[in-house]
Amino acid sequence: MAARAAQELQDGMYVNLGIGIPTLVANHIPKGMTVTLQSENGMLGMGPFPFEGEEDADLINAGKQTITELPQTAFFDSATSFAMIR
């Protein structure tokens, strides 16, 4: 399902994946395609899941999975985050 959903993405999109299975879509974004991922808890520009031992408990997605930040990542409060989604 995640691989199929990733086929709907287009270069330059900003995408909120939600929680659960949708977070797996990030694993299927084609190389060379730029998609900016947003998390409801206030992060725009989520990086990939960290390698074991490199986790930062302060960097989590809406599903409480540890993630990484990117040089262009922006942080903001959850009210602003939900306003972006709507």
N, C-alpha and C. Protein backbone atom coordinates (compact mmCIF):
# COMPACT_ATOMS: atom_id res chain seq x y z
N MET A 1 0.82 -1.19 0.00
CA MET A 1 0.00 0.00 0.00
C MET A 1 0.87 1.26 0.00
N ALA A 2 1.95 1.23 0.80
CA ALA A 2 2.81 2.40 0.88
C ALA A 2 3.49 2.69 -0.46
N ALA A 3 3.95 1.64 -1.13
CA ALA A 3 4.60 1.82 -2.43
C ALA A 3 3.62 2.41 -3.44
N ARG A 4 2.39 1.95 -3.39
CA ARG A 4 1.36 2.47 -4.31
C ARG A 4 1.05 3.93 -4.00
N ALA A 5 0.95 4.27 -2.73
CA ALA A 5 0.67 5.67 -2.35
C ALA A 5 1.81 6.57 -2.80
N ALA A 6 3.04 6.09 -2.71
CA ALA A 6 4.20 6.89 -3.13
C ALA A 6 4.16 7.24 -4.61
N GLN A 7 3.48 6.43 -5.40
CA GLN A 7 3.35 6.71 -6.83
C GLN A 7 2.54 7.97 -7.09
N GLU A 8 1.77 8.40 -6.12
CA GLU A 8 0.95 9.61 -6.26
C GLU A 8 1.76 10.89 -6.00
N LEU A 9 2.94 10.75 -5.42
CA LEU A 9 3.75 11.92 -5.08
C LEU A 9 4.37 12.52 -6.33
N GLN A 10 4.55 13.84 -6.28
CA GLN A 10 5.20 14.56 -7.37
C GLN A 10 6.33 15.39 -6.81
N ASP A 11 7.33 15.62 -7.63
CA ASP A 11 8.49 16.40 -7.22
C ASP A 11 8.04 17.78 -6.72
N GLY A 12 8.58 18.19 -5.58
CA GLY A 12 8.27 19.51 -5.02
C GLY A 12 7.09 19.54 -4.07
N MET A 13 6.41 18.41 -3.87
CA MET A 13 5.25 18.39 -2.99
C MET A 13 5.64 18.53 -1.52
N TYR A 14 4.71 19.10 -0.75
CA TYR A 14 4.77 19.11 0.71
C TYR A 14 3.69 18.14 1.16
N VAL A 15 4.06 17.15 1.99
CA VAL A 15 3.14 16.06 2.30
C VAL A 15 3.11 15.77 3.79
N ASN A 16 1.90 15.63 4.32
CA ASN A 16 1.71 15.14 5.68
C ASN A 16 1.30 13.68 5.55
N LEU A 17 2.08 12.79 6.13
CA LEU A 17 1.81 11.35 6.00
C LEU A 17 0.94 10.79 7.10
N GLY A 18 0.69 11.53 8.16
CA GLY A 18 -0.11 11.00 9.26
C GLY A 18 0.70 10.00 10.08
N ILE A 19 0.00 9.02 10.69
CA ILE A 19 0.68 8.04 11.51
C ILE A 19 0.34 6.63 11.02
N GLY A 20 1.10 5.66 11.49
CA GLY A 20 0.86 4.27 11.11
C GLY A 20 1.46 3.93 9.76
N ILE A 21 0.77 3.11 8.99
CA ILE A 21 1.25 2.65 7.69
C ILE A 21 1.65 3.80 6.76
N PRO A 22 0.94 4.95 6.77
CA PRO A 22 1.36 6.02 5.86
C PRO A 22 2.80 6.48 6.03
N THR A 23 3.37 6.33 7.24
CA THR A 23 4.76 6.76 7.42
C THR A 23 5.71 5.94 6.55
N LEU A 24 5.28 4.77 6.12
CA LEU A 24 6.12 3.92 5.27
C LEU A 24 6.25 4.47 3.85
N VAL A 25 5.37 5.38 3.48
CA VAL A 25 5.43 5.98 2.14
C VAL A 25 6.79 6.64 1.92
N ALA A 26 7.34 7.23 2.97
CA ALA A 26 8.64 7.90 2.86
C ALA A 26 9.73 6.95 2.36
N ASN A 27 9.61 5.68 2.66
CA ASN A 27 10.60 4.69 2.21
C ASN A 27 10.53 4.43 0.71
N HIS A 28 9.49 4.89 0.06
CA HIS A 28 9.27 4.60 -1.36
C HIS A 28 9.34 5.84 -2.25
N ILE A 29 9.78 6.96 -1.70
CA ILE A 29 9.94 8.17 -2.53
C ILE A 29 11.12 7.92 -3.46
N PRO A 30 10.90 8.05 -4.77
CA PRO A 30 11.98 7.76 -5.72
C PRO A 30 13.21 8.65 -5.52
N LYS A 31 14.36 8.08 -5.72
CA LYS A 31 15.61 8.85 -5.64
C LYS A 31 15.54 10.00 -6.64
N GLY A 32 16.04 11.15 -6.25
CA GLY A 32 16.03 12.32 -7.11
C GLY A 32 14.76 13.14 -7.02
N MET A 33 13.72 12.63 -6.35
CA MET A 33 12.48 13.38 -6.17
C MET A 33 12.55 14.10 -4.83
N THR A 34 12.20 15.38 -4.84
CA THR A 34 12.19 16.16 -3.61
C THR A 34 10.77 16.27 -3.10
N VAL A 35 10.52 15.66 -1.93
CA VAL A 35 9.23 15.74 -1.26
C VAL A 35 9.51 16.16 0.17
N THR A 36 8.89 17.24 0.62
CA THR A 36 9.08 17.73 1.98
C THR A 36 7.99 17.14 2.86
N LEU A 37 8.40 16.42 3.90
CA LEU A 37 7.46 15.75 4.78
C LEU A 37 7.19 16.59 6.02
N GLN A 38 5.92 16.63 6.43
CA GLN A 38 5.48 17.42 7.57
C GLN A 38 4.86 16.50 8.61
N SER A 39 5.11 16.79 9.88
CA SER A 39 4.53 16.02 10.97
C SER A 39 3.63 16.93 11.81
N GLU A 40 2.49 16.39 12.24
CA GLU A 40 1.52 17.19 12.99
C GLU A 40 2.09 17.80 14.26
N ASN A 41 3.12 17.18 14.81
CA ASN A 41 3.65 17.69 16.07
C ASN A 41 4.62 18.86 15.89
N GLY A 42 4.73 19.41 14.68
CA GLY A 42 5.44 20.65 14.49
C GLY A 42 6.79 20.57 13.81
N MET A 43 6.89 19.76 12.80
CA MET A 43 8.16 19.62 12.09
C MET A 43 7.90 19.59 10.59
N LEU A 44 8.55 20.48 9.86
CA LEU A 44 8.45 20.51 8.41
C LEU A 44 9.84 20.22 7.85
N GLY A 45 9.95 19.14 7.12
CA GLY A 45 11.24 18.71 6.59
C GLY A 45 11.81 17.57 7.39
N MET A 46 10.97 16.54 7.64
CA MET A 46 11.45 15.38 8.39
C MET A 46 12.48 14.61 7.58
N GLY A 47 13.50 14.16 8.29
CA GLY A 47 14.50 13.32 7.66
C GLY A 47 14.12 11.86 7.80
N PRO A 48 14.99 10.96 7.37
CA PRO A 48 14.69 9.52 7.45
C PRO A 48 14.77 9.00 8.88
N PHE A 49 14.33 7.77 9.05
CA PHE A 49 14.46 7.13 10.36
C PHE A 49 15.95 7.01 10.67
N PRO A 50 16.35 7.21 11.93
CA PRO A 50 17.77 7.14 12.28
C PRO A 50 18.26 5.69 12.33
N PHE A 51 19.58 5.55 12.21
CA PHE A 51 20.18 4.23 12.38
C PHE A 51 20.16 3.89 13.87
N GLU A 52 20.15 2.60 14.17
CA GLU A 52 20.15 2.16 15.55
C GLU A 52 21.35 2.76 16.29
N GLY A 53 21.09 3.29 17.47
CA GLY A 53 22.13 3.91 18.27
C GLY A 53 22.30 5.40 18.01
N GLU A 54 21.66 5.91 16.95
CA GLU A 54 21.75 7.34 16.62
C GLU A 54 20.43 8.07 16.87
N GLU A 55 19.50 7.42 17.56
CA GLU A 55 18.20 8.01 17.82
C GLU A 55 18.30 9.20 18.77
N ASP A 56 17.46 10.20 18.54
CA ASP A 56 17.33 11.34 19.44
C ASP A 56 15.87 11.35 19.89
N ALA A 57 15.64 11.04 21.15
CA ALA A 57 14.27 10.91 21.67
C ALA A 57 13.47 12.20 21.55
N ASP A 58 14.12 13.33 21.32
CA ASP A 58 13.42 14.60 21.15
C ASP A 58 12.93 14.82 19.72
N LEU A 59 13.39 14.00 18.78
CA LEU A 59 12.97 14.12 17.38
C LEU A 59 12.06 12.95 17.04
N ILE A 60 10.76 13.20 17.11
CA ILE A 60 9.78 12.15 16.82
C ILE A 60 8.73 12.65 15.85
N ASN A 61 8.11 11.71 15.14
CA ASN A 61 7.00 12.08 14.28
C ASN A 61 5.70 11.97 15.08
N ALA A 62 4.58 12.18 14.45
CA ALA A 62 3.29 12.17 15.15
C ALA A 62 2.97 10.79 15.73
N GLY A 63 3.58 9.74 15.19
CA GLY A 63 3.38 8.39 15.70
C GLY A 63 4.38 8.01 16.77
N LYS A 64 5.15 8.98 17.25
CA LYS A 64 6.16 8.79 18.29
C LYS A 64 7.32 7.91 17.85
N GLN A 65 7.57 7.84 16.54
CA GLN A 65 8.73 7.12 16.02
C GLN A 65 9.87 8.12 15.93
N THR A 66 11.08 7.70 16.28
CA THR A 66 12.21 8.62 16.16
C THR A 66 12.53 8.85 14.69
N ILE A 67 12.87 10.10 14.39
CA ILE A 67 13.19 10.51 13.03
C ILE A 67 14.44 11.39 13.08
N THR A 68 14.85 11.89 11.97
CA THR A 68 16.00 12.80 11.93
C THR A 68 15.55 14.13 11.33
N GLU A 69 16.37 15.14 11.55
CA GLU A 69 16.10 16.44 10.95
C GLU A 69 17.04 16.64 9.76
N LEU A 70 16.69 17.56 8.91
CA LEU A 70 17.48 17.91 7.74
C LEU A 70 17.98 19.34 7.91
N PRO A 71 18.96 19.77 7.12
CA PRO A 71 19.44 21.15 7.25
C PRO A 71 18.32 22.18 7.07
N GLN A 72 17.32 21.88 6.26
CA GLN A 72 16.22 22.82 6.00
C GLN A 72 15.00 22.62 6.90
N THR A 73 15.08 21.73 7.90
CA THR A 73 13.95 21.46 8.79
C THR A 73 13.55 22.71 9.56
N ALA A 74 12.24 22.91 9.69
CA ALA A 74 11.69 24.01 10.48
C ALA A 74 10.80 23.41 11.57
N PHE A 75 10.83 24.02 12.74
CA PHE A 75 10.03 23.57 13.88
C PHE A 75 9.05 24.66 14.28
N PHE A 76 7.84 24.27 14.72
CA PHE A 76 6.81 25.22 15.12
C PHE A 76 5.83 24.51 16.02
N ASP A 77 4.91 25.25 16.64
CA ASP A 77 3.95 24.64 17.56
C ASP A 77 2.90 23.83 16.80
N SER A 78 2.21 22.96 17.54
CA SER A 78 1.24 22.07 16.89
C SER A 78 0.05 22.83 16.31
N ALA A 79 -0.34 23.97 16.89
CA ALA A 79 -1.46 24.75 16.33
C ALA A 79 -1.10 25.22 14.92
N THR A 80 0.11 25.73 14.74
CA THR A 80 0.56 26.15 13.42
C THR A 80 0.64 24.96 12.47
N SER A 81 1.10 23.85 13.01
CA SER A 81 1.23 22.64 12.20
C SER A 81 -0.14 22.20 11.65
N PHE A 82 -1.15 22.16 12.52
CA PHE A 82 -2.48 21.74 12.07
C PHE A 82 -3.08 22.76 11.11
N ALA A 83 -2.76 24.03 11.29
CA ALA A 83 -3.24 25.04 10.35
C ALA A 83 -2.65 24.80 8.97
N MET A 84 -1.41 24.36 8.92
CA MET A 84 -0.77 24.06 7.63
C MET A 84 -1.47 22.91 6.92
N ILE A 85 -1.88 21.93 7.69
CA ILE A 85 -2.53 20.74 7.12
C ILE A 85 -3.90 21.09 6.55
N ARG A 86 -4.61 21.94 7.25
CA ARG A 86 -5.97 22.28 6.83
C ARG A 86 -5.89 23.19 5.66
